[in-house]
C-alpha atoms as a PDB file:
ATOM      1  CA  MET A   1       0.000   0.000   0.000  1.00  0.00           C
ATOM      2  CA  LYS A   2       1.328   3.449  -0.904  1.00  0.00           C
ATOM      3  CA  SER A   3       1.817   6.079   1.754  1.00  0.00           C
ATOM      4  CA  VAL A   4      -0.417   9.142   1.580  1.00  0.00           C
ATOM      5  CA  PRO A   5       1.350  12.502   1.271  1.00  0.00           C
ATOM      6  CA  SER A   6       1.207  14.530   4.472  1.00  0.00           C
ATOM      7  CA  SER A   7      -0.625  17.430   2.787  1.00  0.00           C
ATOM      8  CA  ILE A   8      -3.523  15.130   1.864  1.00  0.00           C
ATOM      9  CA  SER A   9      -3.704  13.542   5.298  1.00  0.00           C
ATOM     10  CA  GLU A  10      -3.679  17.011   6.917  1.00  0.00           C
ATOM     11  CA  TYR A  11      -6.494  18.131   4.610  1.00  0.00           C
ATOM     12  CA  LEU A  12      -8.572  15.054   5.390  1.00  0.00           C
ATOM     13  CA  ALA A  13      -7.979  15.521   9.114  1.00  0.00           C
ATOM     14  CA  GLU A  14      -9.113  19.145   8.864  1.00  0.00           C
ATOM     15  CA  ILE A  15     -12.379  18.378   7.069  1.00  0.00           C
ATOM     16  CA  GLY A  16     -12.960  15.479   9.444  1.00  0.00           C
ATOM     17  CA  ARG A  17     -12.795  17.859  12.391  1.00  0.00           C
ATOM     18  CA  LYS A  18     -15.275  20.218  10.739  1.00  0.00           C
ATOM     19  CA  GLY A  19     -17.686  17.409   9.933  1.00  0.00           C
ATOM     20  CA  GLY A  20     -18.712  16.953  13.541  1.00  0.00           C
ATOM     21  CA  ALA A  21     -18.915  20.659  14.320  1.00  0.00           C
ATOM     22  CA  LYS A  22     -22.233  22.408  14.671  1.00  0.00           C
ATOM     23  CA  SER A  23     -23.394  24.291  11.602  1.00  0.00           C
ATOM     24  CA  ARG A  24     -22.598  27.992  11.600  1.00  0.00           C
ATOM     25  CA  ARG A  25     -25.703  28.845   9.623  1.00  0.00           C
ATOM     26  CA  ARG A  26     -27.991  31.179  11.491  1.00  0.00           C
ATOM     27  CA  LEU A  27     -31.656  30.642  10.665  1.00  0.00           C
ATOM     28  CA  SER A  28     -34.402  31.682  13.006  1.00  0.00           C
ATOM     29  CA  SER A  29     -37.277  29.328  13.663  1.00  0.00           C
ATOM     30  CA  ALA A  30     -39.693  31.784  12.008  1.00  0.00           C
ATOM     31  CA  ASP A  31     -37.584  31.821   8.836  1.00  0.00           C
ATOM     32  CA  ALA A  32     -37.449  28.031   8.845  1.00  0.00           C
ATOM     33  CA  ARG A  33     -41.249  27.818   9.183  1.00  0.00           C
ATOM     34  CA  ASN A  34     -41.665  30.293   6.330  1.00  0.00           C
ATOM     35  CA  MET A  35     -39.365  28.226   4.131  1.00  0.00           C
ATOM     36  CA  VAL A  36     -41.536  25.172   4.777  1.00  0.00           C
ATOM     37  CA  ARG A  37     -44.728  27.159   4.072  1.00  0.00           C
ATOM     38  CA  VAL A  38     -43.346  28.392   0.751  1.00  0.00           C
ATOM     39  CA  ARG A  39     -42.282  24.871  -0.235  1.00  0.00           C
ATOM     40  CA  GLU A  40     -45.760  23.498   0.580  1.00  0.00           C
ATOM     41  CA  ALA A  41     -47.437  26.409  -1.235  1.00  0.00           C
ATOM     42  CA  ARG A  42     -45.343  25.732  -4.348  1.00  0.00           C
ATOM     43  CA  ARG A  43     -46.286  22.069  -4.214  1.00  0.00           C
ATOM     44  CA  ALA A  44     -49.993  22.958  -3.824  1.00  0.00           C
ATOM     45  CA  PHE A  45     -49.781  25.492  -6.645  1.00  0.00           C
ATOM     46  CA  ARG A  46     -48.426  22.851  -9.027  1.00  0.00           C
ATOM     47  CA  ALA A  47     -50.894  20.186  -7.912  1.00  0.00           C
ATOM     48  CA  TYR A  48     -53.998  22.412  -8.049  1.00  0.00           C
ATOM     49  CA  HIS A  49     -53.050  24.756 -10.882  1.00  0.00           C
ATOM     50  CA  ALA A  50     -55.726  23.610 -13.344  1.00  0.00           C
ATOM     51  CA  GLN A  51     -58.430  23.494 -10.686  1.00  0.00           C
ATOM     52  CA  CYS A  52     -57.726  26.591  -8.587  1.00  0.00           C
ATOM     53  CA  PHE A  53     -55.083  28.780 -10.187  1.00  0.00           C
ATOM     54  CA  TRP A  54     -55.856  28.601 -13.890  1.00  0.00           C
ATOM     55  CA  TYR A  55     -55.752  32.408 -14.144  1.00  0.00           C
ATOM     56  CA  MET A  56     -52.123  32.539 -12.953  1.00  0.00           C
ATOM     57  CA  ARG A  57     -49.054  31.737 -15.011  1.00  0.00           C
ATOM     58  CA  GLN A  58     -48.098  28.113 -14.637  1.00  0.00           C
ATOM     59  CA  ASP A  59     -44.391  28.958 -14.347  1.00  0.00           C
ATOM     60  CA  MET A  60     -44.997  31.560 -11.628  1.00  0.00           C
ATOM     61  CA  ILE A  61     -42.480  31.510  -8.788  1.00  0.00           C
ATOM     62  CA  VAL A  62     -44.381  31.329  -5.502  1.00  0.00           C
ATOM     63  CA  THR A  63     -43.009  33.507  -2.696  1.00  0.00           C
ATOM     64  CA  ILE A  64     -44.086  34.191   0.866  1.00  0.00           C
ATOM     65  CA  ALA A  65     -46.171  37.125  -0.385  1.00  0.00           C
ATOM     66  CA  ASP A  66     -48.211  34.783  -2.618  1.00  0.00           C
ATOM     67  CA  ILE A  67     -49.304  32.426   0.161  1.00  0.00           C
ATOM     68  CA  PRO A  68     -52.532  34.315   1.040  1.00  0.00           C
ATOM     69  CA  GLU A  69     -53.662  34.077  -2.606  1.00  0.00           C
ATOM     70  CA  ILE A  70     -52.769  30.364  -2.709  1.00  0.00           C
ATOM     71  CA  VAL A  71     -54.761  29.801   0.494  1.00  0.00           C
ATOM     72  CA  ARG A  72     -57.752  31.707  -0.895  1.00  0.00           C
ATOM     73  CA  GLY A  73     -57.756  29.690  -4.111  1.00  0.00           C
ATOM     74  CA  LEU A  74     -57.436  26.384  -2.268  1.00  0.00           C
ATOM     75  CA  ARG A  75     -60.299  27.256   0.072  1.00  0.00           C
ATOM     76  CA  GLN A  76     -62.633  28.349  -2.718  1.00  0.00           C
ATOM     77  CA  ASN A  77     -61.940  25.762  -5.404  1.00  0.00           C
ATOM     78  CA  GLY A  78     -59.765  23.019  -3.925  1.00  0.00           C
ATOM     79  CA  GLY A  79     -62.462  20.826  -2.456  1.00  0.00           C
ATOM     80  CA  ARG A  80     -61.969  19.131   0.892  1.00  0.00           C
ATOM     81  CA  ARG A  81     -58.325  18.217   0.277  1.00  0.00           C
ATOM     82  CA  GLY A  82     -57.540  21.771  -0.839  1.00  0.00           C
ATOM     83  CA  PHE A  83     -59.323  23.214   2.176  1.00  0.00           C
ATOM     84  CA  LEU A  84     -57.279  21.032   4.537  1.00  0.00           C
ATOM     85  CA  LEU A  85     -54.082  21.957   2.719  1.00  0.00           C
ATOM     86  CA  ALA A  86     -54.974  25.649   3.044  1.00  0.00           C
ATOM     87  CA  ALA A  87     -55.456  25.171   6.781  1.00  0.00           C
ATOM     88  CA  LYS A  88     -51.998  23.618   6.981  1.00  0.00           C
ATOM     89  CA  LEU A  89     -50.503  26.618   5.151  1.00  0.00           C
ATOM     90  CA  CYS A  90     -52.149  29.041   7.592  1.00  0.00           C
ATOM     91  CA  ARG A  91     -50.550  27.566  10.702  1.00  0.00           C
END
């Protein structure tokens, strides 16, 4: 077996130490909840586009500001499943 150059072993040791460290990303719990709401709203928009959002562009990018309109459309035209999904988006 060949020996590994010291520069490579030092590099691997360094990234190994960082692997167990806590993430330095700072994300508040409110921001995390909003990210989940936007992801669910995008999924609902794609699933219910023909039924509820036919008047909107199909390639529209859903943002946090669009969630009230998505909820309104799901409540009015989404049936029972859409109504329950709208309730989940409002939490």
